[in-house]
Amino acid sequence: REAIVVERALHGSFFKEWGITAGAFADT
């Protein structure tokens, strides 16, 4: 759970700052 929820929250904060959408992430 930590790997999926907590650590990915860190990634999500950076992605929001950089304008990386969920779709753009999934397509990478």
PDB file of all heavy atoms in Angstrom:
ATOM      1  N   ARG A   1       0.834  -1.206   0.000  1.00  0.00           N
ATOM      2  CA  ARG A   1       0.000   0.000   0.000  1.00  0.00           C
ATOM      3  C   ARG A   1       0.866   1.253   0.000  1.00  0.00           C
ATOM      4  O   ARG A   1       0.578   2.215  -0.728  1.00  0.00           O
ATOM      5  CB  ARG A   1      -0.931  -0.002   1.221  1.00  0.00           C
ATOM      6  CG  ARG A   1      -1.827   1.212   1.297  1.00  0.00           C
ATOM      7  CD  ARG A   1      -2.624   1.274   2.586  1.00  0.00           C
ATOM      8  NE  ARG A   1      -3.458   2.468   2.619  1.00  0.00           N
ATOM      9  CZ  ARG A   1      -3.029   3.682   2.911  1.00  0.00           C
ATOM     10  NH1 ARG A   1      -1.765   3.890   3.235  1.00  0.00           N
ATOM     11  NH2 ARG A   1      -3.866   4.715   2.904  1.00  0.00           N
ATOM     12  N   GLU A   2       1.912   1.263   0.832  1.00  0.00           N
ATOM     13  CA  GLU A   2       2.799   2.423   0.885  1.00  0.00           C
ATOM     14  C   GLU A   2       3.413   2.696  -0.480  1.00  0.00           C
ATOM     15  O   GLU A   2       3.511   3.848  -0.919  1.00  0.00           O
ATOM     16  CB  GLU A   2       3.916   2.180   1.920  1.00  0.00           C
ATOM     17  CG  GLU A   2       3.458   2.137   3.352  1.00  0.00           C
ATOM     18  CD  GLU A   2       3.353   3.509   3.973  1.00  0.00           C
ATOM     19  OE1 GLU A   2       4.242   4.343   3.741  1.00  0.00           O
ATOM     20  OE2 GLU A   2       2.363   3.754   4.674  1.00  0.00           O
ATOM     21  N   ALA A   3       3.845   1.649  -1.159  1.00  0.00           N
ATOM     22  CA  ALA A   3       4.485   1.813  -2.464  1.00  0.00           C
ATOM     23  C   ALA A   3       3.532   2.448  -3.465  1.00  0.00           C
ATOM     24  O   ALA A   3       3.932   3.317  -4.253  1.00  0.00           O
ATOM     25  CB  ALA A   3       4.977   0.463  -2.985  1.00  0.00           C
ATOM     26  N   ILE A   4       2.286   2.034  -3.425  1.00  0.00           N
ATOM     27  CA  ILE A   4       1.314   2.525  -4.401  1.00  0.00           C
ATOM     28  C   ILE A   4       0.738   3.885  -4.012  1.00  0.00           C
ATOM     29  O   ILE A   4       0.646   4.803  -4.829  1.00  0.00           O
ATOM     30  CB  ILE A   4       0.165   1.519  -4.589  1.00  0.00           C
ATOM     31  CG1 ILE A   4       0.717   0.167  -5.077  1.00  0.00           C
ATOM     32  CG2 ILE A   4      -0.870   2.058  -5.559  1.00  0.00           C
ATOM     33  CD1 ILE A   4       1.397   0.213  -6.419  1.00  0.00           C
ATOM     34  N   VAL A   5       0.371   4.046  -2.747  1.00  0.00           N
ATOM     35  CA  VAL A   5      -0.358   5.241  -2.318  1.00  0.00           C
ATOM     36  C   VAL A   5       0.579   6.358  -1.854  1.00  0.00           C
ATOM     37  O   VAL A   5       0.519   7.493  -2.350  1.00  0.00           O
ATOM     38  CB  VAL A   5      -1.366   4.899  -1.200  1.00  0.00           C
ATOM     39  CG1 VAL A   5      -2.059   6.160  -0.697  1.00  0.00           C
ATOM     40  CG2 VAL A   5      -2.391   3.895  -1.703  1.00  0.00           C
ATOM     41  N   VAL A   6       1.461   6.048  -0.927  1.00  0.00           N
ATOM     42  CA  VAL A   6       2.250   7.098  -0.289  1.00  0.00           C
ATOM     43  C   VAL A   6       3.366   7.602  -1.198  1.00  0.00           C
ATOM     44  O   VAL A   6       3.484   8.806  -1.458  1.00  0.00           O
ATOM     45  CB  VAL A   6       2.826   6.599   1.054  1.00  0.00           C
ATOM     46  CG1 VAL A   6       3.692   7.678   1.694  1.00  0.00           C
ATOM     47  CG2 VAL A   6       1.697   6.191   1.988  1.00  0.00           C
ATOM     48  N   GLU A   7       4.179   6.670  -1.712  1.00  0.00           N
ATOM     49  CA  GLU A   7       5.281   7.113  -2.554  1.00  0.00           C
ATOM     50  C   GLU A   7       4.779   7.713  -3.864  1.00  0.00           C
ATOM     51  O   GLU A   7       5.346   8.678  -4.376  1.00  0.00           O
ATOM     52  CB  GLU A   7       6.258   5.962  -2.815  1.00  0.00           C
ATOM     53  CG  GLU A   7       7.050   5.570  -1.580  1.00  0.00           C
ATOM     54  CD  GLU A   7       8.242   4.692  -1.900  1.00  0.00           C
ATOM     55  OE1 GLU A   7       9.134   5.145  -2.624  1.00  0.00           O
ATOM     56  OE2 GLU A   7       8.265   3.540  -1.433  1.00  0.00           O
ATOM     57  N   ARG A   8       3.704   7.158  -4.421  1.00  0.00           N
ATOM     58  CA  ARG A   8       3.187   7.733  -5.662  1.00  0.00           C
ATOM     59  C   ARG A   8       2.558   9.102  -5.447  1.00  0.00           C
ATOM     60  O   ARG A   8       2.451   9.887  -6.384  1.00  0.00           O
ATOM     61  CB  ARG A   8       2.203   6.768  -6.326  1.00  0.00           C
ATOM     62  CG  ARG A   8       2.906   5.591  -6.985  1.00  0.00           C
ATOM     63  CD  ARG A   8       1.965   4.790  -7.855  1.00  0.00           C
ATOM     64  NE  ARG A   8       1.567   5.513  -9.051  1.00  0.00           N
ATOM     65  CZ  ARG A   8       0.648   5.069  -9.899  1.00  0.00           C
ATOM     66  NH1 ARG A   8       0.031   3.921  -9.669  1.00  0.00           N
ATOM     67  NH2 ARG A   8       0.347   5.768 -10.964  1.00  0.00           N
ATOM     68  N   ALA A   9       2.178   9.400  -4.210  1.00  0.00           N
ATOM     69  CA  ALA A   9       1.714  10.760  -3.918  1.00  0.00           C
ATOM     70  C   ALA A   9       2.847  11.756  -4.134  1.00  0.00           C
ATOM     71  O   ALA A   9       2.623  12.880  -4.610  1.00  0.00           O
ATOM     72  CB  ALA A   9       1.198  10.841  -2.483  1.00  0.00           C
ATOM     73  N   LEU A  10       4.075  11.348  -3.783  1.00  0.00           N
ATOM     74  CA  LEU A  10       5.241  12.191  -4.047  1.00  0.00           C
ATOM     75  C   LEU A  10       5.379  12.438  -5.545  1.00  0.00           C
ATOM     76  O   LEU A  10       5.561  13.569  -5.990  1.00  0.00           O
ATOM     77  CB  LEU A  10       6.502  11.514  -3.499  1.00  0.00           C
ATOM     78  CG  LEU A  10       7.836  12.128  -3.927  1.00  0.00           C
ATOM     79  CD1 LEU A  10       8.032  13.488  -3.266  1.00  0.00           C
ATOM     80  CD2 LEU A  10       8.995  11.187  -3.570  1.00  0.00           C
ATOM     81  N   HIS A  11       5.284  11.369  -6.328  1.00  0.00           N
ATOM     82  CA  HIS A  11       5.387  11.516  -7.775  1.00  0.00           C
ATOM     83  C   HIS A  11       4.264  12.410  -8.299  1.00  0.00           C
ATOM     84  O   HIS A  11       4.487  13.262  -9.163  1.00  0.00           O
ATOM     85  CB  HIS A  11       5.325  10.144  -8.449  1.00  0.00           C
ATOM     86  CG  HIS A  11       6.490   9.266  -8.117  1.00  0.00           C
ATOM     87  ND1 HIS A  11       6.644   8.680  -6.889  1.00  0.00           N
ATOM     88  CD2 HIS A  11       7.543   8.863  -8.862  1.00  0.00           C
ATOM     89  CE1 HIS A  11       7.752   7.963  -6.875  1.00  0.00           C
ATOM     90  NE2 HIS A  11       8.320   8.060  -8.065  1.00  0.00           N
ATOM     91  N   GLY A  12       3.063  12.201  -7.767  1.00  0.00           N
ATOM     92  CA  GLY A  12       1.923  12.978  -8.231  1.00  0.00           C
ATOM     93  C   GLY A  12       2.100  14.469  -8.003  1.00  0.00           C
ATOM     94  O   GLY A  12       1.681  15.288  -8.833  1.00  0.00           O
ATOM     95  N   SER A  13       2.738  14.843  -6.889  1.00  0.00           N
ATOM     96  CA  SER A  13       2.943  16.268  -6.616  1.00  0.00           C
ATOM     97  C   SER A  13       3.893  16.877  -7.636  1.00  0.00           C
ATOM     98  O   SER A  13       3.687  18.007  -8.103  1.00  0.00           O
ATOM     99  CB  SER A  13       3.480  16.465  -5.193  1.00  0.00           C
ATOM    100  OG  SER A  13       4.782  15.919  -5.056  1.00  0.00           O
ATOM    101  N   PHE A  14       4.932  16.125  -7.998  1.00  0.00           N
ATOM    102  CA  PHE A  14       5.840  16.603  -9.036  1.00  0.00           C
ATOM    103  C   PHE A  14       5.134  16.642 -10.395  1.00  0.00           C
ATOM    104  O   PHE A  14       5.297  17.587 -11.168  1.00  0.00           O
ATOM    105  CB  PHE A  14       7.084  15.720  -9.121  1.00  0.00           C
ATOM    106  CG  PHE A  14       8.141  16.043  -8.101  1.00  0.00           C
ATOM    107  CD1 PHE A  14       8.403  15.175  -7.048  1.00  0.00           C
ATOM    108  CD2 PHE A  14       8.882  17.210  -8.187  1.00  0.00           C
ATOM    109  CE1 PHE A  14       9.384  15.473  -6.111  1.00  0.00           C
ATOM    110  CE2 PHE A  14       9.869  17.512  -7.247  1.00  0.00           C
ATOM    111  CZ  PHE A  14      10.119  16.643  -6.210  1.00  0.00           C
ATOM    112  N   PHE A  15       4.356  15.606 -10.706  1.00  0.00           N
ATOM    113  CA  PHE A  15       3.672  15.554 -11.997  1.00  0.00           C
ATOM    114  C   PHE A  15       2.717  16.744 -12.161  1.00  0.00           C
ATOM    115  O   PHE A  15       2.604  17.321 -13.240  1.00  0.00           O
ATOM    116  CB  PHE A  15       2.899  14.240 -12.147  1.00  0.00           C
ATOM    117  CG  PHE A  15       3.770  13.013 -12.281  1.00  0.00           C
ATOM    118  CD1 PHE A  15       3.205  11.750 -12.281  1.00  0.00           C
ATOM    119  CD2 PHE A  15       5.151  13.115 -12.400  1.00  0.00           C
ATOM    120  CE1 PHE A  15       3.996  10.620 -12.395  1.00  0.00           C
ATOM    121  CE2 PHE A  15       5.955  11.986 -12.514  1.00  0.00           C
ATOM    122  CZ  PHE A  15       5.377  10.742 -12.512  1.00  0.00           C
ATOM    123  N   LYS A  16       2.023  17.084 -11.074  1.00  0.00           N
ATOM    124  CA  LYS A  16       1.105  18.230 -11.133  1.00  0.00           C
ATOM    125  C   LYS A  16       1.880  19.505 -11.421  1.00  0.00           C
ATOM    126  O   LYS A  16       1.464  20.337 -12.249  1.00  0.00           O
ATOM    127  CB  LYS A  16       0.342  18.344  -9.813  1.00  0.00           C
ATOM    128  CG  LYS A  16      -0.686  19.463  -9.810  1.00  0.00           C
ATOM    129  CD  LYS A  16      -1.473  19.475  -8.501  1.00  0.00           C
ATOM    130  CE  LYS A  16      -2.522  20.593  -8.497  1.00  0.00           C
ATOM    131  NZ  LYS A  16      -3.281  20.615  -7.223  1.00  0.00           N
ATOM    132  N   GLU A  17       3.018  19.662 -10.747  1.00  0.00           N
ATOM    133  CA  GLU A  17       3.858  20.842 -10.957  1.00  0.00           C
ATOM    134  C   GLU A  17       4.355  20.916 -12.398  1.00  0.00           C
ATOM    135  O   GLU A  17       4.440  21.996 -12.989  1.00  0.00           O
ATOM    136  CB  GLU A  17       5.041  20.793  -9.989  1.00  0.00           C
ATOM    137  CG  GLU A  17       6.035  21.935 -10.135  1.00  0.00           C
ATOM    138  CD  GLU A  17       7.249  21.760  -9.240  1.00  0.00           C
ATOM    139  OE1 GLU A  17       7.155  21.007  -8.247  1.00  0.00           O
ATOM    140  OE2 GLU A  17       8.287  22.362  -9.547  1.00  0.00           O
ATOM    141  N   TRP A  18       4.665  19.750 -12.970  1.00  0.00           N
ATOM    142  CA  TRP A  18       5.228  19.714 -14.324  1.00  0.00           C
ATOM    143  C   TRP A  18       4.163  19.639 -15.416  1.00  0.00           C
ATOM    144  O   TRP A  18       4.491  19.680 -16.600  1.00  0.00           O
ATOM    145  CB  TRP A  18       6.160  18.511 -14.467  1.00  0.00           C
ATOM    146  CG  TRP A  18       7.322  18.518 -13.535  1.00  0.00           C
ATOM    147  CD1 TRP A  18       7.954  19.597 -12.988  1.00  0.00           C
ATOM    148  CD2 TRP A  18       8.002  17.369 -13.017  1.00  0.00           C
ATOM    149  NE1 TRP A  18       8.978  19.194 -12.164  1.00  0.00           N
ATOM    150  CE2 TRP A  18       9.029  17.840 -12.161  1.00  0.00           C
ATOM    151  CE3 TRP A  18       7.841  15.991 -13.186  1.00  0.00           C
ATOM    152  CZ2 TRP A  18       9.897  16.980 -11.501  1.00  0.00           C
ATOM    153  CZ3 TRP A  18       8.704  15.129 -12.524  1.00  0.00           C
ATOM    154  CH2 TRP A  18       9.717  15.617 -11.689  1.00  0.00           C
ATOM    155  N   GLY A  19       2.907  19.473 -15.040  1.00  0.00           N
ATOM    156  CA  GLY A  19       1.852  19.381 -16.030  1.00  0.00           C
ATOM    157  C   GLY A  19       1.753  18.032 -16.712  1.00  0.00           C
ATOM    158  O   GLY A  19       1.266  17.940 -17.842  1.00  0.00           O
ATOM    159  N   ILE A  20       2.208  16.977 -16.021  1.00  0.00           N
ATOM    160  CA  ILE A  20       2.119  15.623 -16.577  1.00  0.00           C
ATOM    161  C   ILE A  20       0.778  15.026 -16.160  1.00  0.00           C
ATOM    162  O   ILE A  20       0.530  14.779 -14.974  1.00  0.00           O
ATOM    163  CB  ILE A  20       3.272  14.731 -16.085  1.00  0.00           C
ATOM    164  CG1 ILE A  20       4.622  15.300 -16.549  1.00  0.00           C
ATOM    165  CG2 ILE A  20       3.111  13.300 -16.590  1.00  0.00           C
ATOM    166  CD1 ILE A  20       5.823  14.544 -16.015  1.00  0.00           C
ATOM    167  N   THR A  21      -0.091  14.811 -17.102  1.00  0.00           N
ATOM    168  CA  THR A  21      -1.417  14.265 -16.812  1.00  0.00           C
ATOM    169  C   THR A  21      -1.341  12.751 -16.632  1.00  0.00           C
ATOM    170  O   THR A  21      -0.355  12.106 -17.006  1.00  0.00           O
ATOM    171  CB  THR A  21      -2.393  14.583 -17.948  1.00  0.00           C
ATOM    172  OG1 THR A  21      -1.949  13.889 -19.133  1.00  0.00           O
ATOM    173  CG2 THR A  21      -2.463  16.081 -18.213  1.00  0.00           C
ATOM    174  N   ALA A  22      -2.421  12.186 -16.075  1.00  0.00           N
ATOM    175  CA  ALA A  22      -2.494  10.730 -15.917  1.00  0.00           C
ATOM    176  C   ALA A  22      -2.395  10.035 -17.264  1.00  0.00           C
ATOM    177  O   ALA A  22      -1.746   8.988 -17.393  1.00  0.00           O
ATOM    178  CB  ALA A  22      -3.791  10.351 -15.211  1.00  0.00           C
ATOM    179  N   GLY A  23      -3.021  10.631 -18.283  1.00  0.00           N
ATOM    180  CA  GLY A  23      -2.958  10.040 -19.613  1.00  0.00           C
ATOM    181  C   GLY A  23      -1.560  10.070 -20.195  1.00  0.00           C
ATOM    182  O   GLY A  23      -1.113   9.088 -20.805  1.00  0.00           O
ATOM    183  N   ALA A  24      -0.861  11.197 -20.002  1.00  0.00           N
ATOM    184  CA  ALA A  24       0.513  11.318 -20.509  1.00  0.00           C
ATOM    185  C   ALA A  24       1.427  10.317 -19.807  1.00  0.00           C
ATOM    186  O   ALA A  24       2.294   9.701 -20.443  1.00  0.00           O
ATOM    187  CB  ALA A  24       1.023  12.736 -20.310  1.00  0.00           C
ATOM    188  N   PHE A  25       1.218  10.149 -18.500  1.00  0.00           N
ATOM    189  CA  PHE A  25       2.011   9.163 -17.765  1.00  0.00           C
ATOM    190  C   PHE A  25       1.756   7.753 -18.289  1.00  0.00           C
ATOM    191  O   PHE A  25       2.685   7.001 -18.572  1.00  0.00           O
ATOM    192  CB  PHE A  25       1.698   9.227 -16.271  1.00  0.00           C
ATOM    193  CG  PHE A  25       2.203   8.045 -15.504  1.00  0.00           C
ATOM    194  CD1 PHE A  25       3.554   7.879 -15.266  1.00  0.00           C
ATOM    195  CD2 PHE A  25       1.323   7.068 -15.025  1.00  0.00           C
ATOM    196  CE1 PHE A  25       4.033   6.768 -14.571  1.00  0.00           C
ATOM    197  CE2 PHE A  25       1.780   5.970 -14.337  1.00  0.00           C
ATOM    198  CZ  PHE A  25       3.141   5.817 -14.100  1.00  0.00           C
ATOM    199  N   ALA A  26       0.488   7.405 -18.454  1.00  0.00           N
ATOM    200  CA  ALA A  26       0.140   6.062 -18.913  1.00  0.00           C
ATOM    201  C   ALA A  26       0.677   5.789 -20.304  1.00  0.00           C
ATOM    202  O   ALA A  26       1.008   4.638 -20.637  1.00  0.00           O
ATOM    203  CB  ALA A  26      -1.376   5.889 -18.886  1.00  0.00           C
ATOM    204  N   ASP A  27       0.792   6.826 -21.129  1.00  0.00           N
ATOM    205  CA  ASP A  27       1.258   6.654 -22.501  1.00  0.00           C
ATOM    206  C   ASP A  27       2.784   6.617 -22.620  1.00  0.00           C
ATOM    207  O   ASP A  27       3.308   6.361 -23.708  1.00  0.00           O
ATOM    208  CB  ASP A  27       0.719   7.785 -23.385  1.00  0.00           C
ATOM    209  CG  ASP A  27      -0.781   7.670 -23.631  1.00  0.00           C
ATOM    210  OD1 ASP A  27      -1.325   6.559 -23.426  1.00  0.00           O
ATOM    211  OD2 ASP A  27      -1.398   8.684 -24.005  1.00  0.00           O
ATOM    212  N   THR A  28       3.481   6.881 -21.515  1.00  0.00           N
ATOM    213  CA  THR A  28       4.950   6.855 -21.552  1.00  0.00           C
ATOM    214  C   THR A  28       5.434   5.426 -21.371  1.00  0.00           C
ATOM    215  O   THR A  28       5.183   4.804 -20.335  1.00  0.00           O
ATOM    216  CB  THR A  28       5.545   7.734 -20.435  1.00  0.00           C
ATOM    217  OG1 THR A  28       5.050   9.055 -20.557  1.00  0.00           O
ATOM    218  CG2 THR A  28       7.072   7.737 -20.511  1.00  0.00           C
TER     219      THR A  28
END
